[in-house]
């Protein structure tokens, strides 16, 4: 999750938190369908927090599309736009008062659990092919997670 703030959608958060800190930080942005809610959840070694933007009543009439917030017009809102700066400003101010040590390495049994044996993908022989499946219309598989059914 550190890479989300370095290279993923979190890298678009302004201020660019990954370049403003001298401590490890990780997080994940999120956006639901129709941009009705967006959020960022993240942590350092000593502090975790989340920020959210949306309508607490869940009204689709106030979804995060074609809205003006603090005098700025947004055609659509993603996690890095409103919740992102809230998260970044908070973490830049508050996180240094808590632990900001490097993240510990995961226990080795989580990386290579006892008894774990990686499987080898099976292959088909010519003439014994399975029917092809068509991709669903719910995504393109790029995993950008922007809530627009293309992740």
C-alpha atoms as a PDB file:
ATOM      1  CA  UNK A   1       0.000   0.000   0.000  1.00  0.00           C
ATOM      2  CA  UNK A   2       3.016   2.283   0.164  1.00  0.00           C
ATOM      3  CA  UNK A   3       3.136   2.276  -3.626  1.00  0.00           C
ATOM      4  CA  UNK A   4      -0.422   3.653  -3.882  1.00  0.00           C
ATOM      5  CA  UNK A   5       0.865   6.948  -2.484  1.00  0.00           C
ATOM      6  CA  UNK A   6       3.987   6.814  -4.675  1.00  0.00           C
ATOM      7  CA  UNK A   7       2.701   5.576  -8.020  1.00  0.00           C
ATOM      8  CA  UNK A   8      -1.028   4.851  -7.813  1.00  0.00           C
ATOM      9  CA  UNK A   9      -4.034   7.148  -7.571  1.00  0.00           C
ATOM     10  CA  UNK A  10      -2.728   8.381  -4.222  1.00  0.00           C
ATOM     11  CA  UNK A  11       0.237   9.950  -6.000  1.00  0.00           C
ATOM     12  CA  UNK A  12      -2.202  12.565  -7.341  1.00  0.00           C
ATOM     13  CA  UNK A  13      -3.033  13.799  -3.828  1.00  0.00           C
ATOM     14  CA  UNK A  14      -1.921  17.389  -3.295  1.00  0.00           C
ATOM     15  CA  UNK A  15       0.156  18.108  -1.319  1.00  0.00           C
ATOM     16  CA  UNK A  16       2.091  15.121  -2.649  1.00  0.00           C
ATOM     17  CA  UNK A  17       2.413  13.350   0.664  1.00  0.00           C
ATOM     18  CA  UNK A  18       4.892  10.721  -0.481  1.00  0.00           C
ATOM     19  CA  UNK A  19       7.444  13.442  -1.271  1.00  0.00           C
ATOM     20  CA  UNK A  20       6.674  15.623   1.769  1.00  0.00           C
ATOM     21  CA  UNK A  21       7.344  13.060   4.488  1.00  0.00           C
ATOM     22  CA  UNK A  22      10.610  11.697   5.768  1.00  0.00           C
ATOM     23  CA  UNK A  23       8.841   8.656   7.186  1.00  0.00           C
ATOM     24  CA  UNK A  24       7.116   5.624   5.657  1.00  0.00           C
ATOM     25  CA  UNK A  25       3.437   6.102   4.930  1.00  0.00           C
ATOM     26  CA  UNK A  26       0.921   3.907   3.134  1.00  0.00           C
ATOM     27  CA  UNK A  27      -2.692   4.285   2.095  1.00  0.00           C
ATOM     28  CA  UNK A  28      -5.441   3.556  -0.378  1.00  0.00           C
ATOM     29  CA  UNK A  29      -7.899   5.807  -2.164  1.00  0.00           C
ATOM     30  CA  UNK A  30     -11.445   4.759  -2.925  1.00  0.00           C
ATOM     31  CA  UNK A  31     -14.447   5.946  -4.910  1.00  0.00           C
ATOM     32  CA  UNK A  32     -17.870   4.340  -5.147  1.00  0.00           C
ATOM     33  CA  UNK A  33     -20.255   4.221  -8.100  1.00  0.00           C
ATOM     34  CA  UNK A  34     -21.284   7.643  -9.418  1.00  0.00           C
ATOM     35  CA  UNK A  35     -18.601   9.249  -7.274  1.00  0.00           C
ATOM     36  CA  UNK A  36     -21.129   9.597  -4.440  1.00  0.00           C
ATOM     37  CA  UNK A  37     -18.475   8.885  -1.811  1.00  0.00           C
ATOM     38  CA  UNK A  38     -14.707   9.024  -1.892  1.00  0.00           C
ATOM     39  CA  UNK A  39     -12.150   8.271   0.781  1.00  0.00           C
ATOM     40  CA  UNK A  40      -8.527   7.738   1.690  1.00  0.00           C
ATOM     41  CA  UNK A  41      -7.420   5.359   4.428  1.00  0.00           C
ATOM     42  CA  UNK A  42      -3.797   5.251   5.421  1.00  0.00           C
ATOM     43  CA  UNK A  43      -1.242   4.763   8.127  1.00  0.00           C
ATOM     44  CA  UNK A  44       2.275   5.154   9.440  1.00  0.00           C
ATOM     45  CA  UNK A  45       3.871   2.809  11.961  1.00  0.00           C
ATOM     46  CA  UNK A  46       2.215   4.769  14.780  1.00  0.00           C
ATOM     47  CA  UNK A  47      -1.016   6.265  13.400  1.00  0.00           C
ATOM     48  CA  UNK A  48      -3.884   5.205  11.168  1.00  0.00           C
ATOM     49  CA  UNK A  49      -6.662   7.430   9.895  1.00  0.00           C
ATOM     50  CA  UNK A  50      -9.248   7.721   7.159  1.00  0.00           C
ATOM     51  CA  UNK A  51     -10.953  10.671   5.514  1.00  0.00           C
ATOM     52  CA  UNK A  52     -14.235  10.571   3.642  1.00  0.00           C
ATOM     53  CA  UNK A  53     -16.197  12.872   1.360  1.00  0.00           C
ATOM     54  CA  UNK A  54     -19.838  12.216   0.562  1.00  0.00           C
ATOM     55  CA  UNK A  55     -23.423  12.777   1.581  1.00  0.00           C
ATOM     56  CA  UNK A  56     -24.060  11.213   5.002  1.00  0.00           C
ATOM     57  CA  UNK A  57     -27.686  10.637   4.002  1.00  0.00           C
ATOM     58  CA  UNK A  58     -26.615   8.790   0.871  1.00  0.00           C
ATOM     59  CA  UNK A  59     -28.629  10.998  -1.454  1.00  0.00           C
ATOM     60  CA  UNK A  60     -27.794  10.323  -5.080  1.00  0.00           C
ATOM     61  CA  UNK A  61     -29.011  13.848  -5.822  1.00  0.00           C
ATOM     62  CA  UNK A  62     -25.814  15.096  -4.219  1.00  0.00           C
ATOM     63  CA  UNK A  63     -23.380  12.639  -5.741  1.00  0.00           C
ATOM     64  CA  UNK A  64     -19.870  13.866  -6.412  1.00  0.00           C
ATOM     65  CA  UNK A  65     -20.538  14.803 -10.014  1.00  0.00           C
ATOM     66  CA  UNK A  66     -20.871  18.332 -11.351  1.00  0.00           C
ATOM     67  CA  UNK A  67     -20.520  19.943  -7.939  1.00  0.00           C
ATOM     68  CA  UNK A  68     -18.891  23.116  -6.674  1.00  0.00           C
ATOM     69  CA  UNK A  69     -16.994  22.844  -3.394  1.00  0.00           C
ATOM     70  CA  UNK A  70     -15.410  25.924  -1.820  1.00  0.00           C
ATOM     71  CA  UNK A  71     -15.802  27.782  -5.109  1.00  0.00           C
ATOM     72  CA  UNK A  72     -14.134  25.094  -7.235  1.00  0.00           C
ATOM     73  CA  UNK A  73     -16.158  23.149  -9.819  1.00  0.00           C
ATOM     74  CA  UNK A  74     -15.630  19.395 -10.098  1.00  0.00           C
ATOM     75  CA  UNK A  75     -17.057  17.375 -12.975  1.00  0.00           C
ATOM     76  CA  UNK A  76     -16.421  14.217 -10.986  1.00  0.00           C
ATOM     77  CA  UNK A  77     -14.688  13.564  -7.689  1.00  0.00           C
ATOM     78  CA  UNK A  78     -12.205  10.773  -7.086  1.00  0.00           C
ATOM     79  CA  UNK A  79     -10.562   9.819  -3.773  1.00  0.00           C
ATOM     80  CA  UNK A  80      -7.462  11.905  -4.329  1.00  0.00           C
ATOM     81  CA  UNK A  81      -9.348  15.179  -4.944  1.00  0.00           C
ATOM     82  CA  UNK A  82     -11.144  16.063  -1.678  1.00  0.00           C
ATOM     83  CA  UNK A  83     -10.514  13.255   0.801  1.00  0.00           C
ATOM     84  CA  UNK A  84      -6.891  13.058  -0.359  1.00  0.00           C
ATOM     85  CA  UNK A  85      -5.822  16.579   0.635  1.00  0.00           C
ATOM     86  CA  UNK A  86      -7.699  16.189   3.952  1.00  0.00           C
ATOM     87  CA  UNK A  87      -5.732  13.001   4.607  1.00  0.00           C
ATOM     88  CA  UNK A  88      -2.402  14.498   3.501  1.00  0.00           C
ATOM     89  CA  UNK A  89      -2.700  17.690   5.533  1.00  0.00           C
ATOM     90  CA  UNK A  90      -3.750  15.787   8.645  1.00  0.00           C
ATOM     91  CA  UNK A  91      -0.988  13.192   8.367  1.00  0.00           C
ATOM     92  CA  UNK A  92       1.687  15.809   7.653  1.00  0.00           C
ATOM     93  CA  UNK A  93       0.713  17.673  10.828  1.00  0.00           C
ATOM     94  CA  UNK A  94      -0.189  14.847  13.209  1.00  0.00           C
ATOM     95  CA  UNK A  95       1.767  11.723  12.202  1.00  0.00           C
ATOM     96  CA  UNK A  96       5.174  13.047  13.330  1.00  0.00           C
ATOM     97  CA  UNK A  97       3.889  13.213  16.928  1.00  0.00           C
ATOM     98  CA  UNK A  98       3.285   9.457  16.783  1.00  0.00           C
ATOM     99  CA  UNK A  99       5.568   6.640  15.721  1.00  0.00           C
ATOM    100  CA  UNK A 100       7.053   7.063  12.273  1.00  0.00           C
ATOM    101  CA  UNK A 101       9.518   4.195  12.330  1.00  0.00           C
ATOM    102  CA  UNK A 102      10.046   2.019   9.264  1.00  0.00           C
ATOM    103  CA  UNK A 103       7.379  -0.607   8.736  1.00  0.00           C
ATOM    104  CA  UNK A 104       8.490  -3.965  10.113  1.00  0.00           C
ATOM    105  CA  UNK A 105       8.960  -6.830   7.706  1.00  0.00           C
ATOM    106  CA  UNK A 106       6.058  -9.295   7.717  1.00  0.00           C
ATOM    107  CA  UNK A 107       6.607 -12.555   9.596  1.00  0.00           C
ATOM    108  CA  UNK A 108       8.254 -15.136   7.372  1.00  0.00           C
ATOM    109  CA  UNK A 109       5.359 -17.576   7.873  1.00  0.00           C
ATOM    110  CA  UNK A 110       3.105 -15.081   6.069  1.00  0.00           C
ATOM    111  CA  UNK A 111       5.483 -14.869   3.143  1.00  0.00           C
ATOM    112  CA  UNK A 112       6.048 -18.609   2.851  1.00  0.00           C
ATOM    113  CA  UNK A 113       3.586 -20.449   5.121  1.00  0.00           C
ATOM    114  CA  UNK A 114       4.651 -23.924   6.318  1.00  0.00           C
ATOM    115  CA  UNK A 115       3.428 -26.606   3.938  1.00  0.00           C
ATOM    116  CA  UNK A 116       2.691 -24.109   1.167  1.00  0.00           C
ATOM    117  CA  UNK A 117       3.504 -25.420  -2.278  1.00  0.00           C
ATOM    118  CA  UNK A 118       2.881 -23.165  -5.234  1.00  0.00           C
ATOM    119  CA  UNK A 119       0.670 -24.772  -7.829  1.00  0.00           C
ATOM    120  CA  UNK A 120       1.693 -25.126 -11.426  1.00  0.00           C
ATOM    121  CA  UNK A 121      -0.932 -23.975 -13.901  1.00  0.00           C
ATOM    122  CA  UNK A 122      -2.375 -26.824 -15.918  1.00  0.00           C
ATOM    123  CA  UNK A 123      -2.022 -26.815 -19.654  1.00  0.00           C
ATOM    124  CA  UNK A 124      -4.411 -28.088 -22.251  1.00  0.00           C
ATOM    125  CA  UNK A 125      -3.427 -30.389 -25.045  1.00  0.00           C
ATOM    126  CA  UNK A 126      -4.327 -29.552 -28.637  1.00  0.00           C
ATOM    127  CA  UNK A 127      -7.850 -30.633 -29.427  1.00  0.00           C
ATOM    128  CA  UNK A 128      -8.822 -30.507 -25.756  1.00  0.00           C
ATOM    129  CA  UNK A 129      -9.434 -26.809 -25.348  1.00  0.00           C
ATOM    130  CA  UNK A 130     -12.078 -25.342 -23.138  1.00  0.00           C
ATOM    131  CA  UNK A 131     -14.563 -22.865 -24.566  1.00  0.00           C
ATOM    132  CA  UNK A 132     -13.454 -19.272 -24.386  1.00  0.00           C
ATOM    133  CA  UNK A 133     -15.283 -16.957 -22.067  1.00  0.00           C
ATOM    134  CA  UNK A 134     -16.168 -13.418 -22.938  1.00  0.00           C
ATOM    135  CA  UNK A 135     -15.069 -10.678 -20.553  1.00  0.00           C
ATOM    136  CA  UNK A 136     -17.809  -9.144 -18.466  1.00  0.00           C
ATOM    137  CA  UNK A 137     -18.954  -5.615 -19.117  1.00  0.00           C
ATOM    138  CA  UNK A 138     -18.124  -4.691 -15.519  1.00  0.00           C
ATOM    139  CA  UNK A 139     -14.514  -3.779 -15.958  1.00  0.00           C
ATOM    140  CA  UNK A 140     -11.426  -3.667 -18.035  1.00  0.00           C
ATOM    141  CA  UNK A 141      -9.202  -5.272 -15.441  1.00  0.00           C
ATOM    142  CA  UNK A 142      -6.777  -2.377 -15.056  1.00  0.00           C
ATOM    143  CA  UNK A 143      -7.559  -2.221 -11.346  1.00  0.00           C
ATOM    144  CA  UNK A 144      -7.635   1.532 -11.035  1.00  0.00           C
ATOM    145  CA  UNK A 145     -10.588   1.259  -8.645  1.00  0.00           C
ATOM    146  CA  UNK A 146     -12.172   4.569  -9.491  1.00  0.00           C
ATOM    147  CA  UNK A 147     -15.736   3.305  -8.999  1.00  0.00           C
ATOM    148  CA  UNK A 148     -16.681   3.607 -12.650  1.00  0.00           C
ATOM    149  CA  UNK A 149     -16.841  -0.140 -13.292  1.00  0.00           C
ATOM    150  CA  UNK A 150     -13.521  -0.137 -15.081  1.00  0.00           C
ATOM    151  CA  UNK A 151     -11.239  -1.560 -12.411  1.00  0.00           C
END
